[in-house]
Amino acid sequence: MLNQIEVNLKRRSREFVGSTKATKVKISDCFTDKTIKMSITAGEKEHGLSWKESKVKDLNLINPTDQDWYAYDNIYGTEEEKRFIEFLYHKSNKLKQNYEEFFLLRNEKAIKLYSFQEGKGFEPDFILFLRKKGSEVGEVLQLFIEPKGKHLIAHDSWKQDFLTEIQWRDEIQEIFQEDKYIVYGLPFFNHENQQEFKIAFQRFLEAN
């Protein structure tokens, strides 16, 4: 009986508790040159293919690597990740009207977040940095974005809950108040069902 109680207690107990406490770190210390091994996984034929090699329809019509806001020479990854970059490409002119500059960085094990409720860790695929126009002090917004295939949305729903909760945490938003640094998260991006993401992204632009 005691053995059974021990198993149940371990199953229900939390080993970690998420925190709103964060540390200020230079981007250059997190995002460094590295070699990444890519492989084709079952059910994801795009992963490991470059932008030019992509089989995704109409991606060849644009070239984000020519844009100053995209920080890389090429684009590898899943179809959803490539579709998100395509989405941002078509939004870039709108962003340039409202922001002094913006940059999209691919999060390859550079930053790991931990959920507030259980301390579960994950690495959002992209971080979008935006610097606002017209402010005396440079106001920077840091936006976490996670493209997600529809077959994984339900399984990873806790990640979406955490991302959308970030913007309501005043402690997070004001961590670097002396630098006017604000942190946000958005719902999952899925190219077949973009409505929720588009609404949240538009609200973000209108509020900031």
C-alpha atoms as a PDB file:
ATOM      1  CA  MET A   1       0.000   0.000   0.000  1.00  0.00           C
ATOM      2  CA  LEU A   2       2.807   2.422   0.843  1.00  0.00           C
ATOM      3  CA  ASN A   3       4.439   1.686  -2.500  1.00  0.00           C
ATOM      4  CA  GLN A   4       1.165   2.563  -4.280  1.00  0.00           C
ATOM      5  CA  ILE A   5       0.836   5.792  -2.286  1.00  0.00           C
ATOM      6  CA  GLU A   6       4.405   6.747  -3.229  1.00  0.00           C
ATOM      7  CA  VAL A   7       3.707   6.232  -6.940  1.00  0.00           C
ATOM      8  CA  ASN A   8       0.519   8.332  -6.794  1.00  0.00           C
ATOM      9  CA  LEU A   9       2.206  11.140  -4.865  1.00  0.00           C
ATOM     10  CA  LYS A  10       5.041  11.338  -7.386  1.00  0.00           C
ATOM     11  CA  ARG A  11       2.555  11.375 -10.246  1.00  0.00           C
ATOM     12  CA  ARG A  12       0.605  14.291  -8.773  1.00  0.00           C
ATOM     13  CA  SER A  13       3.468  16.320  -7.347  1.00  0.00           C
ATOM     14  CA  ARG A  14       5.144  19.181  -9.180  1.00  0.00           C
ATOM     15  CA  GLU A  15       8.912  19.076  -9.398  1.00  0.00           C
ATOM     16  CA  PHE A  16       9.143  22.655 -10.680  1.00  0.00           C
ATOM     17  CA  VAL A  17       7.143  25.842 -10.280  1.00  0.00           C
ATOM     18  CA  GLY A  18       7.162  28.446 -13.061  1.00  0.00           C
ATOM     19  CA  SER A  19       8.324  31.955 -12.203  1.00  0.00           C
ATOM     20  CA  THR A  20       7.819  35.455 -13.591  1.00  0.00           C
ATOM     21  CA  LYS A  21      11.407  36.287 -12.666  1.00  0.00           C
ATOM     22  CA  ALA A  22      13.652  36.739 -15.707  1.00  0.00           C
ATOM     23  CA  THR A  23      17.235  37.751 -16.375  1.00  0.00           C
ATOM     24  CA  LYS A  24      18.377  40.393 -18.831  1.00  0.00           C
ATOM     25  CA  VAL A  25      20.797  38.884 -21.381  1.00  0.00           C
ATOM     26  CA  LYS A  26      22.316  40.325 -24.559  1.00  0.00           C
ATOM     27  CA  ILE A  27      20.916  38.912 -27.801  1.00  0.00           C
ATOM     28  CA  SER A  28      24.466  38.312 -29.038  1.00  0.00           C
ATOM     29  CA  ASP A  29      25.112  36.078 -26.023  1.00  0.00           C
ATOM     30  CA  CYS A  30      22.084  33.887 -26.797  1.00  0.00           C
ATOM     31  CA  PHE A  31      22.053  33.743 -30.587  1.00  0.00           C
ATOM     32  CA  THR A  32      25.436  32.576 -31.826  1.00  0.00           C
ATOM     33  CA  ASP A  33      26.708  30.755 -34.921  1.00  0.00           C
ATOM     34  CA  LYS A  34      26.198  27.019 -34.627  1.00  0.00           C
ATOM     35  CA  THR A  35      26.017  23.882 -36.740  1.00  0.00           C
ATOM     36  CA  ILE A  36      22.631  22.175 -36.748  1.00  0.00           C
ATOM     37  CA  LYS A  37      21.952  18.686 -38.068  1.00  0.00           C
ATOM     38  CA  MET A  38      18.688  18.448 -40.008  1.00  0.00           C
ATOM     39  CA  SER A  39      16.830  15.244 -40.830  1.00  0.00           C
ATOM     40  CA  ILE A  40      13.621  14.348 -42.622  1.00  0.00           C
ATOM     41  CA  THR A  41      11.073  13.050 -40.137  1.00  0.00           C
ATOM     42  CA  ALA A  42       8.047  10.904 -40.853  1.00  0.00           C
ATOM     43  CA  GLY A  43       5.064  13.001 -41.874  1.00  0.00           C
ATOM     44  CA  GLU A  44       7.133  16.193 -42.210  1.00  0.00           C
ATOM     45  CA  LYS A  45       8.688  16.277 -45.670  1.00  0.00           C
ATOM     46  CA  GLU A  46       9.671  19.952 -45.463  1.00  0.00           C
ATOM     47  CA  HIS A  47      11.932  19.664 -42.436  1.00  0.00           C
ATOM     48  CA  GLY A  48      15.548  19.883 -43.590  1.00  0.00           C
ATOM     49  CA  LEU A  49      14.768  21.431 -46.969  1.00  0.00           C
ATOM     50  CA  SER A  50      15.952  24.933 -47.809  1.00  0.00           C
ATOM     51  CA  TRP A  51      13.589  27.665 -48.990  1.00  0.00           C
ATOM     52  CA  LYS A  52      14.537  27.069 -52.637  1.00  0.00           C
ATOM     53  CA  GLU A  53      14.173  23.297 -52.275  1.00  0.00           C
ATOM     54  CA  SER A  54      10.757  23.648 -50.618  1.00  0.00           C
ATOM     55  CA  LYS A  55       7.765  21.833 -52.103  1.00  0.00           C
ATOM     56  CA  VAL A  56       5.337  24.330 -50.536  1.00  0.00           C
ATOM     57  CA  LYS A  57       3.248  26.053 -53.189  1.00  0.00           C
ATOM     58  CA  ASP A  58       4.147  29.664 -54.101  1.00  0.00           C
ATOM     59  CA  LEU A  59       7.025  30.032 -51.651  1.00  0.00           C
ATOM     60  CA  ASN A  60       9.349  30.503 -54.613  1.00  0.00           C
ATOM     61  CA  LEU A  61       7.546  33.780 -55.394  1.00  0.00           C
ATOM     62  CA  ILE A  62       9.184  35.570 -52.468  1.00  0.00           C
ATOM     63  CA  ASN A  63      12.657  35.617 -50.923  1.00  0.00           C
ATOM     64  CA  PRO A  64      12.766  36.641 -47.233  1.00  0.00           C
ATOM     65  CA  THR A  65      16.552  36.259 -47.125  1.00  0.00           C
ATOM     66  CA  ASP A  66      16.767  39.506 -49.116  1.00  0.00           C
ATOM     67  CA  GLN A  67      14.975  41.369 -46.321  1.00  0.00           C
ATOM     68  CA  ASP A  68      16.934  43.217 -43.632  1.00  0.00           C
ATOM     69  CA  TRP A  69      14.556  41.962 -40.918  1.00  0.00           C
ATOM     70  CA  TYR A  70      15.387  38.290 -41.560  1.00  0.00           C
ATOM     71  CA  ALA A  71      18.693  37.458 -39.889  1.00  0.00           C
ATOM     72  CA  TYR A  72      19.706  34.328 -41.803  1.00  0.00           C
ATOM     73  CA  ASP A  73      21.063  33.261 -45.187  1.00  0.00           C
ATOM     74  CA  ASN A  74      18.518  30.496 -45.668  1.00  0.00           C
ATOM     75  CA  ILE A  75      15.413  28.947 -44.179  1.00  0.00           C
ATOM     76  CA  TYR A  76      15.155  25.333 -43.073  1.00  0.00           C
ATOM     77  CA  GLY A  77      12.355  23.838 -41.057  1.00  0.00           C
ATOM     78  CA  THR A  78       8.785  22.629 -41.214  1.00  0.00           C
ATOM     79  CA  GLU A  79       6.073  23.782 -43.583  1.00  0.00           C
ATOM     80  CA  GLU A  80       4.384  25.717 -40.769  1.00  0.00           C
ATOM     81  CA  GLU A  81       7.601  27.580 -39.987  1.00  0.00           C
ATOM     82  CA  LYS A  82       8.049  28.510 -43.636  1.00  0.00           C
ATOM     83  CA  ARG A  83       4.409  29.537 -43.908  1.00  0.00           C
ATOM     84  CA  PHE A  84       4.818  31.826 -40.905  1.00  0.00           C
ATOM     85  CA  ILE A  85       7.840  33.514 -42.492  1.00  0.00           C
ATOM     86  CA  GLU A  86       5.733  33.957 -45.621  1.00  0.00           C
ATOM     87  CA  PHE A  87       2.978  35.518 -43.464  1.00  0.00           C
ATOM     88  CA  LEU A  88       5.436  37.951 -41.873  1.00  0.00           C
ATOM     89  CA  TYR A  89       6.902  38.820 -45.273  1.00  0.00           C
ATOM     90  CA  HIS A  90       3.478  40.037 -46.404  1.00  0.00           C
ATOM     91  CA  LYS A  91       3.074  41.990 -43.136  1.00  0.00           C
ATOM     92  CA  SER A  92       6.519  43.597 -43.282  1.00  0.00           C
ATOM     93  CA  ASN A  93       5.427  46.839 -44.979  1.00  0.00           C
ATOM     94  CA  LYS A  94       2.775  47.348 -42.303  1.00  0.00           C
ATOM     95  CA  LEU A  95       5.344  46.748 -39.567  1.00  0.00           C
ATOM     96  CA  LYS A  96       7.750  49.235 -41.137  1.00  0.00           C
ATOM     97  CA  GLN A  97       5.063  51.935 -40.841  1.00  0.00           C
ATOM     98  CA  ASN A  98       4.793  51.472 -37.079  1.00  0.00           C
ATOM     99  CA  TYR A  99       8.249  50.410 -35.962  1.00  0.00           C
ATOM    100  CA  GLU A 100      11.723  51.872 -36.291  1.00  0.00           C
ATOM    101  CA  GLU A 101      13.069  48.404 -37.007  1.00  0.00           C
ATOM    102  CA  PHE A 102      12.206  44.764 -36.432  1.00  0.00           C
ATOM    103  CA  PHE A 103      14.051  41.451 -36.615  1.00  0.00           C
ATOM    104  CA  LEU A 104      12.930  37.828 -36.698  1.00  0.00           C
ATOM    105  CA  LEU A 105      15.222  35.289 -35.025  1.00  0.00           C
ATOM    106  CA  ARG A 106      14.924  31.506 -35.217  1.00  0.00           C
ATOM    107  CA  ASN A 107      15.182  30.051 -31.741  1.00  0.00           C
ATOM    108  CA  GLU A 108      17.516  27.067 -32.104  1.00  0.00           C
ATOM    109  CA  LYS A 109      18.013  26.188 -28.436  1.00  0.00           C
ATOM    110  CA  ALA A 110      18.938  29.798 -27.671  1.00  0.00           C
ATOM    111  CA  ILE A 111      16.097  30.582 -25.239  1.00  0.00           C
ATOM    112  CA  LYS A 112      13.991  28.205 -23.176  1.00  0.00           C
ATOM    113  CA  LEU A 113      10.784  29.243 -21.415  1.00  0.00           C
ATOM    114  CA  TYR A 114       9.084  27.539 -18.475  1.00  0.00           C
ATOM    115  CA  SER A 115       5.334  27.554 -17.949  1.00  0.00           C
ATOM    116  CA  PHE A 116       3.976  29.466 -14.960  1.00  0.00           C
ATOM    117  CA  GLN A 117       1.775  26.633 -13.739  1.00  0.00           C
ATOM    118  CA  GLU A 118       4.055  23.593 -13.863  1.00  0.00           C
ATOM    119  CA  GLY A 119       7.490  24.807 -14.864  1.00  0.00           C
ATOM    120  CA  LYS A 120       7.410  22.716 -18.037  1.00  0.00           C
ATOM    121  CA  GLY A 121      10.040  23.910 -20.492  1.00  0.00           C
ATOM    122  CA  PHE A 122       9.913  24.527 -24.235  1.00  0.00           C
ATOM    123  CA  GLU A 123      11.630  26.621 -26.883  1.00  0.00           C
ATOM    124  CA  PRO A 124       9.333  28.814 -29.039  1.00  0.00           C
ATOM    125  CA  ASP A 125      10.368  28.564 -32.685  1.00  0.00           C
ATOM    126  CA  PHE A 126      10.662  32.307 -33.331  1.00  0.00           C
ATOM    127  CA  ILE A 127      11.268  35.548 -31.461  1.00  0.00           C
ATOM    128  CA  LEU A 128      10.235  38.795 -33.114  1.00  0.00           C
ATOM    129  CA  PHE A 129      11.931  41.943 -31.811  1.00  0.00           C
ATOM    130  CA  LEU A 130      10.358  45.315 -32.632  1.00  0.00           C
ATOM    131  CA  ARG A 131      11.592  48.814 -31.749  1.00  0.00           C
ATOM    132  CA  LYS A 132       8.883  51.450 -31.540  1.00  0.00           C
ATOM    133  CA  LYS A 133       9.002  54.742 -33.399  1.00  0.00           C
ATOM    134  CA  GLY A 134       8.755  58.147 -31.787  1.00  0.00           C
ATOM    135  CA  SER A 135       9.690  57.277 -28.198  1.00  0.00           C
ATOM    136  CA  GLU A 136      12.494  59.128 -26.407  1.00  0.00           C
ATOM    137  CA  VAL A 137      13.614  55.908 -24.778  1.00  0.00           C
ATOM    138  CA  GLY A 138      13.932  52.971 -27.160  1.00  0.00           C
ATOM    139  CA  GLU A 139      10.866  50.861 -26.477  1.00  0.00           C
ATOM    140  CA  VAL A 140      11.443  47.252 -27.482  1.00  0.00           C
ATOM    141  CA  LEU A 141       8.825  44.552 -27.815  1.00  0.00           C
ATOM    142  CA  GLN A 142       9.765  40.894 -27.675  1.00  0.00           C
ATOM    143  CA  LEU A 143       7.212  38.551 -29.207  1.00  0.00           C
ATOM    144  CA  PHE A 144       7.326  34.738 -28.875  1.00  0.00           C
ATOM    145  CA  ILE A 145       5.780  32.839 -31.809  1.00  0.00           C
ATOM    146  CA  GLU A 146       5.244  29.108 -32.329  1.00  0.00           C
ATOM    147  CA  PRO A 147       4.057  27.758 -35.715  1.00  0.00           C
ATOM    148  CA  LYS A 148       2.306  24.435 -35.156  1.00  0.00           C
ATOM    149  CA  GLY A 149       0.989  21.686 -37.423  1.00  0.00           C
ATOM    150  CA  LYS A 150      -2.665  20.833 -36.826  1.00  0.00           C
ATOM    151  CA  HIS A 151      -1.735  17.287 -35.760  1.00  0.00           C
ATOM    152  CA  LEU A 152       0.204  18.730 -32.787  1.00  0.00           C
ATOM    153  CA  ILE A 153      -2.096  21.559 -31.657  1.00  0.00           C
ATOM    154  CA  ALA A 154      -4.099  19.526 -29.146  1.00  0.00           C
ATOM    155  CA  HIS A 155      -1.042  17.705 -27.799  1.00  0.00           C
ATOM    156  CA  ASP A 156       0.888  20.958 -27.237  1.00  0.00           C
ATOM    157  CA  SER A 157      -2.058  23.068 -26.072  1.00  0.00           C
ATOM    158  CA  TRP A 158      -0.289  23.835 -22.762  1.00  0.00           C
ATOM    159  CA  LYS A 159       2.366  25.727 -24.742  1.00  0.00           C
ATOM    160  CA  GLN A 160      -0.273  27.925 -26.357  1.00  0.00           C
ATOM    161  CA  ASP A 161      -1.913  28.554 -22.985  1.00  0.00           C
ATOM    162  CA  PHE A 162       1.434  29.682 -21.599  1.00  0.00           C
ATOM    163  CA  LEU A 163       2.274  31.914 -24.576  1.00  0.00           C
ATOM    164  CA  THR A 164      -1.055  33.723 -24.442  1.00  0.00           C
ATOM    165  CA  GLU A 165      -0.752  34.103 -20.662  1.00  0.00           C
ATOM    166  CA  ILE A 166       2.562  35.963 -20.884  1.00  0.00           C
ATOM    167  CA  GLN A 167       0.995  39.228 -22.014  1.00  0.00           C
ATOM    168  CA  TRP A 168      -1.265  39.351 -18.954  1.00  0.00           C
ATOM    169  CA  ARG A 169       1.610  38.987 -16.510  1.00  0.00           C
ATOM    170  CA  ASP A 170       2.430  42.540 -15.429  1.00  0.00           C
ATOM    171  CA  GLU A 171       5.547  41.304 -13.622  1.00  0.00           C
ATOM    172  CA  ILE A 172       6.964  40.061 -16.928  1.00  0.00           C
ATOM    173  CA  GLN A 173       6.033  43.152 -18.924  1.00  0.00           C
ATOM    174  CA  GLU A 174       7.787  45.485 -16.498  1.00  0.00           C
ATOM    175  CA  ILE A 175      10.916  43.467 -15.780  1.00  0.00           C
ATOM    176  CA  PHE A 176      13.120  45.833 -17.751  1.00  0.00           C
ATOM    177  CA  GLN A 177      11.078  48.965 -17.184  1.00  0.00           C
ATOM    178  CA  GLU A 178      14.138  51.198 -17.375  1.00  0.00           C
ATOM    179  CA  ASP A 179      14.560  50.098 -20.980  1.00  0.00           C
ATOM    180  CA  LYS A 180      10.830  49.982 -21.825  1.00  0.00           C
ATOM    181  CA  TYR A 181      11.002  46.267 -22.585  1.00  0.00           C
ATOM    182  CA  ILE A 182       7.691  44.463 -23.077  1.00  0.00           C
ATOM    183  CA  VAL A 183       7.243  40.703 -23.555  1.00  0.00           C
ATOM    184  CA  TYR A 184       4.335  39.079 -25.416  1.00  0.00           C
ATOM    185  CA  GLY A 185       3.216  35.680 -26.626  1.00  0.00           C
ATOM    186  CA  LEU A 186       0.726  34.781 -29.370  1.00  0.00           C
ATOM    187  CA  PRO A 187      -1.498  31.756 -30.090  1.00  0.00           C
ATOM    188  CA  PHE A 188      -0.102  29.051 -32.363  1.00  0.00           C
ATOM    189  CA  PHE A 189       0.307  29.911 -36.028  1.00  0.00           C
ATOM    190  CA  ASN A 190      -1.258  27.358 -38.383  1.00  0.00           C
ATOM    191  CA  HIS A 191      -1.513  28.239 -42.062  1.00  0.00           C
ATOM    192  CA  GLU A 192      -4.779  26.317 -42.588  1.00  0.00           C
ATOM    193  CA  ASN A 193      -6.494  28.058 -39.693  1.00  0.00           C
ATOM    194  CA  GLN A 194      -4.934  31.490 -39.206  1.00  0.00           C
ATOM    195  CA  GLN A 195      -7.932  33.360 -37.840  1.00  0.00           C
ATOM    196  CA  GLU A 196      -7.076  33.243 -34.135  1.00  0.00           C
ATOM    197  CA  PHE A 197      -3.437  34.117 -34.801  1.00  0.00           C
ATOM    198  CA  LYS A 198      -4.337  36.969 -37.169  1.00  0.00           C
ATOM    199  CA  ILE A 199      -6.750  38.500 -34.652  1.00  0.00           C
ATOM    200  CA  ALA A 200      -4.179  38.296 -31.835  1.00  0.00           C
ATOM    201  CA  PHE A 201      -1.436  39.698 -34.076  1.00  0.00           C
ATOM    202  CA  GLN A 202      -3.652  42.608 -35.151  1.00  0.00           C
ATOM    203  CA  ARG A 203      -4.580  43.379 -31.550  1.00  0.00           C
ATOM    204  CA  PHE A 204      -0.897  43.388 -30.686  1.00  0.00           C
ATOM    205  CA  LEU A 205      -0.164  45.908 -33.456  1.00  0.00           C
ATOM    206  CA  GLU A 206      -3.076  48.151 -32.437  1.00  0.00           C
ATOM    207  CA  ALA A 207      -2.044  48.110 -28.771  1.00  0.00           C
ATOM    208  CA  ASN A 208       1.630  48.788 -29.465  1.00  0.00           C
END
